C-alpha cells in the first residue's frame, strides 16, 4: 500500500532524499508521493522528522 504525506509536512525534503525510487516530489505546500512509483519500502517514514508520513 503506498504511503501518504499529511498536512504536518514541514517541507524539509528528508523523505525525498530517502526514497530509493524517487517517488516523492515537492508540491506547493507539502511533499507528495506518487502512488504509481511508491514501492512501500518505508524509507520515507523512517526519514520523516515530524511523523507526517503514513500508510494510505
N, C-alpha and C. Protein backbone atom coordinates (compact mmCIF):
# COMPACT_ATOMS: atom_id res chain seq x y z
N UNK A 1 0.84 -1.18 0.00
CA UNK A 1 0.00 0.00 0.00
C UNK A 1 0.89 1.25 0.00
N UNK A 2 0.68 2.17 -0.92
CA UNK A 2 1.51 3.38 -0.97
C UNK A 2 1.37 4.22 0.29
N UNK A 3 2.36 5.03 0.54
CA UNK A 3 2.34 5.93 1.69
C UNK A 3 1.79 7.28 1.30
N UNK A 4 1.38 8.06 2.30
CA UNK A 4 0.78 9.37 2.08
C UNK A 4 1.42 10.37 3.04
N UNK A 5 1.60 11.60 2.58
CA UNK A 5 2.17 12.66 3.40
C UNK A 5 1.03 13.57 3.86
N UNK A 6 0.95 13.82 5.15
CA UNK A 6 -0.13 14.64 5.70
C UNK A 6 0.24 16.12 5.71
N UNK A 7 -0.70 16.93 6.18
CA UNK A 7 -0.51 18.38 6.29
C UNK A 7 0.55 18.74 7.32
N UNK A 8 1.01 17.77 8.10
CA UNK A 8 2.05 18.02 9.09
C UNK A 8 3.43 18.24 8.45
N UNK A 9 3.52 17.99 7.15
CA UNK A 9 4.79 18.11 6.41
C UNK A 9 5.37 19.51 6.56
N UNK A 10 6.66 19.57 6.92
CA UNK A 10 7.34 20.86 7.07
C UNK A 10 8.26 21.15 5.87
N UNK A 11 8.14 20.34 4.83
CA UNK A 11 8.88 20.51 3.58
C UNK A 11 10.39 20.55 3.76
N UNK A 12 10.91 19.66 4.61
CA UNK A 12 12.35 19.62 4.84
C UNK A 12 13.09 18.86 3.74
N UNK A 13 12.38 17.96 3.03
CA UNK A 13 12.98 17.22 1.94
C UNK A 13 13.66 15.92 2.32
N UNK A 14 13.67 15.58 3.59
CA UNK A 14 14.33 14.34 4.03
C UNK A 14 13.70 13.11 3.41
N UNK A 15 12.40 13.12 3.26
CA UNK A 15 11.71 11.96 2.67
C UNK A 15 12.10 11.77 1.22
N UNK A 16 12.17 12.85 0.47
CA UNK A 16 12.54 12.76 -0.94
C UNK A 16 13.96 12.23 -1.10
N UNK A 17 14.85 12.67 -0.22
CA UNK A 17 16.24 12.19 -0.26
C UNK A 17 16.33 10.71 0.07
N UNK A 18 15.43 10.22 0.93
CA UNK A 18 15.47 8.83 1.37
C UNK A 18 14.80 7.86 0.39
N UNK A 19 13.94 8.37 -0.47
CA UNK A 19 13.18 7.49 -1.37
C UNK A 19 14.07 6.88 -2.45
N UNK A 20 14.16 5.55 -2.49
CA UNK A 20 15.05 4.89 -3.45
C UNK A 20 14.52 4.89 -4.89
N UNK A 21 13.24 5.18 -5.08
CA UNK A 21 12.66 5.16 -6.42
C UNK A 21 12.21 6.55 -6.89
N UNK A 22 12.59 7.57 -6.15
CA UNK A 22 12.27 8.96 -6.49
C UNK A 22 10.77 9.18 -6.71
N UNK A 23 9.97 8.61 -5.80
CA UNK A 23 8.51 8.73 -5.89
C UNK A 23 7.99 9.99 -5.19
N UNK A 24 8.87 10.74 -4.53
CA UNK A 24 8.44 11.89 -3.75
C UNK A 24 8.93 13.17 -4.41
N UNK A 25 7.99 14.10 -4.58
CA UNK A 25 8.32 15.38 -5.21
C UNK A 25 7.76 16.53 -4.38
N UNK A 26 8.35 17.69 -4.59
CA UNK A 26 7.94 18.88 -3.84
C UNK A 26 6.66 19.45 -4.45
N UNK A 27 5.67 19.70 -3.59
CA UNK A 27 4.43 20.34 -4.01
C UNK A 27 4.41 21.78 -3.55
N UNK A 28 3.28 22.42 -3.65
CA UNK A 28 3.16 23.82 -3.26
C UNK A 28 3.25 24.02 -1.75
N UNK A 29 2.58 23.16 -0.99
CA UNK A 29 2.55 23.32 0.47
C UNK A 29 3.13 22.14 1.23
N UNK A 30 3.40 21.04 0.54
CA UNK A 30 3.98 19.85 1.15
C UNK A 30 4.53 18.95 0.07
N UNK A 31 5.31 17.96 0.46
CA UNK A 31 5.81 16.98 -0.49
C UNK A 31 4.70 15.99 -0.82
N UNK A 32 4.77 15.36 -1.98
CA UNK A 32 3.75 14.42 -2.43
C UNK A 32 4.41 13.11 -2.86
N UNK A 33 3.69 12.02 -2.63
CA UNK A 33 4.18 10.70 -3.04
C UNK A 33 3.35 10.21 -4.22
N UNK A 34 4.02 9.83 -5.29
CA UNK A 34 3.35 9.28 -6.46
C UNK A 34 3.03 7.81 -6.16
N UNK A 35 1.74 7.47 -6.03
CA UNK A 35 1.38 6.09 -5.67
C UNK A 35 1.76 5.07 -6.73
N UNK A 36 1.92 5.51 -7.97
CA UNK A 36 2.31 4.61 -9.05
C UNK A 36 3.78 4.20 -8.94
N UNK A 37 4.60 5.07 -8.33
CA UNK A 37 6.03 4.79 -8.20
C UNK A 37 6.41 4.21 -6.84
N UNK A 38 5.61 4.49 -5.82
CA UNK A 38 5.91 4.05 -4.45
C UNK A 38 5.96 2.53 -4.37
N UNK A 39 7.05 2.02 -3.77
CA UNK A 39 7.21 0.57 -3.62
C UNK A 39 6.95 0.11 -2.18
N UNK A 40 6.44 1.03 -1.35
CA UNK A 40 6.04 0.71 0.02
C UNK A 40 7.20 0.19 0.86
N UNK A 41 8.37 0.79 0.70
CA UNK A 41 9.55 0.33 1.45
C UNK A 41 9.64 0.92 2.85
N UNK A 42 9.00 2.07 3.07
CA UNK A 42 9.01 2.70 4.38
C UNK A 42 10.20 3.59 4.66
N UNK A 43 11.09 3.77 3.71
CA UNK A 43 12.26 4.61 3.93
C UNK A 43 11.86 6.06 4.24
N UNK A 44 10.82 6.54 3.60
CA UNK A 44 10.36 7.91 3.83
C UNK A 44 9.81 8.08 5.24
N UNK A 45 9.10 7.07 5.71
CA UNK A 45 8.54 7.13 7.06
C UNK A 45 9.64 7.23 8.10
N UNK A 46 10.69 6.44 7.91
CA UNK A 46 11.82 6.47 8.83
C UNK A 46 12.57 7.82 8.77
N UNK A 47 12.59 8.44 7.61
CA UNK A 47 13.33 9.69 7.43
C UNK A 47 12.57 10.92 7.92
N UNK A 48 11.25 10.83 8.01
CA UNK A 48 10.44 12.00 8.37
C UNK A 48 10.58 12.35 9.84
N UNK A 49 11.09 13.56 10.10
CA UNK A 49 11.35 14.01 11.47
C UNK A 49 10.08 14.36 12.24
N UNK A 50 8.99 14.64 11.53
CA UNK A 50 7.76 15.08 12.21
C UNK A 50 6.63 14.05 12.13
N UNK A 51 6.92 12.88 11.58
CA UNK A 51 5.91 11.81 11.52
C UNK A 51 4.75 12.12 10.61
N UNK A 52 5.00 12.82 9.51
CA UNK A 52 3.93 13.24 8.60
C UNK A 52 3.59 12.19 7.55
N UNK A 53 4.28 11.05 7.56
CA UNK A 53 4.06 10.05 6.53
C UNK A 53 3.48 8.78 7.14
N UNK A 54 2.41 8.28 6.51
CA UNK A 54 1.77 7.06 6.99
C UNK A 54 1.31 6.24 5.80
N UNK A 55 0.92 4.99 6.06
CA UNK A 55 0.36 4.16 5.01
C UNK A 55 -1.02 4.69 4.67
N UNK A 56 -1.34 4.66 3.40
CA UNK A 56 -2.62 5.18 2.93
C UNK A 56 -3.76 4.28 3.34
